[in-house]
Amino acid sequence: MLAFGNIEDHILSINPNIKIADFVAQVKGASSHYINHDLGKLLYWQDGYGCFSIGRSELEQVKAYVLNQKKHHSEKTILNELEEC
């Protein structure tokens, strides 16, 4: 993982040899188990997920976006519209 944003369900970058569906299933399963069983709280993940592919030349820009998501989410941009789909 290269960056984890201020919005709890937004992450950036996985090894290209890992199937995205397997990665998401592991993250959702492990985090749900930890929060529900170890912390005694309830966590319900929404169905589905979004995934975008980027080139190396875009990595730093996307990383900066992820690290500043609270600011971006407070503004109305096309990316917010995409994230709400």
C-alpha atoms as a PDB file:
ATOM      1  CA  MET A   1       0.000   0.000   0.000  1.00  0.00           C
ATOM      2  CA  LEU A   2       1.433   3.354  -0.984  1.00  0.00           C
ATOM      3  CA  ALA A   3      -1.099   5.682   0.616  1.00  0.00           C
ATOM      4  CA  PHE A   4      -4.171   5.523   2.799  1.00  0.00           C
ATOM      5  CA  GLY A   5      -6.540   8.440   2.605  1.00  0.00           C
ATOM      6  CA  ASN A   6      -8.499  10.347   5.163  1.00  0.00           C
ATOM      7  CA  ILE A   7     -11.650   8.701   3.893  1.00  0.00           C
ATOM      8  CA  GLU A   8     -11.732   5.303   5.526  1.00  0.00           C
ATOM      9  CA  ASP A   9     -12.435   3.205   2.462  1.00  0.00           C
ATOM     10  CA  HIS A  10      -9.966   4.749  -0.007  1.00  0.00           C
ATOM     11  CA  ILE A  11      -6.598   3.151  -0.626  1.00  0.00           C
ATOM     12  CA  LEU A  12      -3.972   3.333  -3.322  1.00  0.00           C
ATOM     13  CA  SER A  13      -1.915   0.693  -5.128  1.00  0.00           C
ATOM     14  CA  ILE A  14      -1.606  -3.052  -4.886  1.00  0.00           C
ATOM     15  CA  ASN A  15       0.836  -5.456  -6.441  1.00  0.00           C
ATOM     16  CA  PRO A  16      -0.238  -6.000 -10.068  1.00  0.00           C
ATOM     17  CA  ASN A  17       0.110  -9.761  -9.587  1.00  0.00           C
ATOM     18  CA  ILE A  18      -2.695  -9.794  -7.007  1.00  0.00           C
ATOM     19  CA  LYS A  19      -6.286 -10.114  -8.191  1.00  0.00           C
ATOM     20  CA  ILE A  20      -8.222  -7.017  -7.165  1.00  0.00           C
ATOM     21  CA  ALA A  21     -11.256  -9.013  -6.043  1.00  0.00           C
ATOM     22  CA  ASP A  22      -9.054 -11.192  -3.796  1.00  0.00           C
ATOM     23  CA  PHE A  23      -7.352  -8.130  -2.293  1.00  0.00           C
ATOM     24  CA  VAL A  24     -10.646  -6.373  -1.557  1.00  0.00           C
ATOM     25  CA  ALA A  25     -12.118  -9.538  -0.049  1.00  0.00           C
ATOM     26  CA  GLN A  26      -9.114  -9.892   2.272  1.00  0.00           C
ATOM     27  CA  VAL A  27      -9.192  -6.237   3.356  1.00  0.00           C
ATOM     28  CA  LYS A  28     -12.948  -6.282   3.987  1.00  0.00           C
ATOM     29  CA  GLY A  29     -12.812  -9.635   5.775  1.00  0.00           C
ATOM     30  CA  ALA A  30      -9.846  -8.854   8.004  1.00  0.00           C
ATOM     31  CA  SER A  31     -11.037  -5.372   8.959  1.00  0.00           C
ATOM     32  CA  SER A  32     -14.589  -6.578   9.640  1.00  0.00           C
ATOM     33  CA  HIS A  33     -13.322  -9.408  11.830  1.00  0.00           C
ATOM     34  CA  TYR A  34     -10.998  -7.115  13.785  1.00  0.00           C
ATOM     35  CA  ILE A  35     -13.613  -4.411  14.398  1.00  0.00           C
ATOM     36  CA  ASN A  36     -16.556  -6.754  15.013  1.00  0.00           C
ATOM     37  CA  HIS A  37     -14.773  -9.345  17.160  1.00  0.00           C
ATOM     38  CA  ASP A  38     -11.685  -7.727  18.667  1.00  0.00           C
ATOM     39  CA  LEU A  39     -13.085  -4.228  19.251  1.00  0.00           C
ATOM     40  CA  GLY A  40     -16.675  -5.323  19.857  1.00  0.00           C
ATOM     41  CA  LYS A  41     -18.105  -2.744  17.471  1.00  0.00           C
ATOM     42  CA  LEU A  42     -20.149  -3.264  14.310  1.00  0.00           C
ATOM     43  CA  LEU A  43     -18.746  -2.726  10.841  1.00  0.00           C
ATOM     44  CA  TYR A  44     -20.741  -3.357   7.703  1.00  0.00           C
ATOM     45  CA  TRP A  45     -19.044  -2.868   4.350  1.00  0.00           C
ATOM     46  CA  GLN A  46     -21.108  -1.660   1.421  1.00  0.00           C
ATOM     47  CA  ASP A  47     -21.475  -4.039  -1.503  1.00  0.00           C
ATOM     48  CA  GLY A  48     -18.985  -3.578  -4.290  1.00  0.00           C
ATOM     49  CA  TYR A  49     -16.002  -1.279  -4.688  1.00  0.00           C
ATOM     50  CA  GLY A  50     -14.397   1.022  -7.234  1.00  0.00           C
ATOM     51  CA  CYS A  51     -11.043   0.560  -8.870  1.00  0.00           C
ATOM     52  CA  PHE A  52      -9.043   2.844 -11.133  1.00  0.00           C
ATOM     53  CA  SER A  53      -5.863   2.056 -13.018  1.00  0.00           C
ATOM     54  CA  ILE A  54      -3.179   4.726 -13.423  1.00  0.00           C
ATOM     55  CA  GLY A  55       0.229   4.997 -15.035  1.00  0.00           C
ATOM     56  CA  ARG A  56       3.489   5.582 -13.163  1.00  0.00           C
ATOM     57  CA  SER A  57       3.574   9.203 -14.346  1.00  0.00           C
ATOM     58  CA  GLU A  58       0.305   9.854 -12.466  1.00  0.00           C
ATOM     59  CA  LEU A  59       1.306   8.136  -9.220  1.00  0.00           C
ATOM     60  CA  GLU A  60       2.442  11.193  -7.228  1.00  0.00           C
ATOM     61  CA  GLN A  61      -0.640  13.209  -8.220  1.00  0.00           C
ATOM     62  CA  VAL A  62      -3.013  10.406  -7.209  1.00  0.00           C
ATOM     63  CA  LYS A  63      -1.079   9.781  -3.998  1.00  0.00           C
ATOM     64  CA  ALA A  64      -1.454  13.478  -3.073  1.00  0.00           C
ATOM     65  CA  TYR A  65      -5.186  13.262  -3.830  1.00  0.00           C
ATOM     66  CA  VAL A  66      -5.628  10.239  -1.556  1.00  0.00           C
ATOM     67  CA  LEU A  67      -3.700  11.873   1.286  1.00  0.00           C
ATOM     68  CA  ASN A  68      -5.891  15.006   1.035  1.00  0.00           C
ATOM     69  CA  GLN A  69      -9.271  13.381   0.478  1.00  0.00           C
ATOM     70  CA  LYS A  70     -11.138  15.218   3.220  1.00  0.00           C
ATOM     71  CA  LYS A  71     -10.374  18.497   1.461  1.00  0.00           C
ATOM     72  CA  HIS A  72     -11.322  17.091  -1.944  1.00  0.00           C
ATOM     73  CA  HIS A  73     -14.556  15.617  -0.601  1.00  0.00           C
ATOM     74  CA  SER A  74     -15.583  19.011   0.748  1.00  0.00           C
ATOM     75  CA  GLU A  75     -15.309  20.466  -2.771  1.00  0.00           C
ATOM     76  CA  LYS A  76     -17.627  19.573  -5.643  1.00  0.00           C
ATOM     77  CA  THR A  77     -15.494  17.993  -8.362  1.00  0.00           C
ATOM     78  CA  ILE A  78     -15.928  15.355 -11.024  1.00  0.00           C
ATOM     79  CA  LEU A  79     -13.966  12.955  -8.821  1.00  0.00           C
ATOM     80  CA  ASN A  80     -16.615  13.253  -6.115  1.00  0.00           C
ATOM     81  CA  GLU A  81     -19.233  12.339  -8.669  1.00  0.00           C
ATOM     82  CA  LEU A  82     -17.218   9.288  -9.684  1.00  0.00           C
ATOM     83  CA  GLU A  83     -16.702   8.260  -6.061  1.00  0.00           C
ATOM     84  CA  GLU A  84     -20.445   8.419  -5.377  1.00  0.00           C
ATOM     85  CA  CYS A  85     -21.288   5.960  -8.184  1.00  0.00           C
END
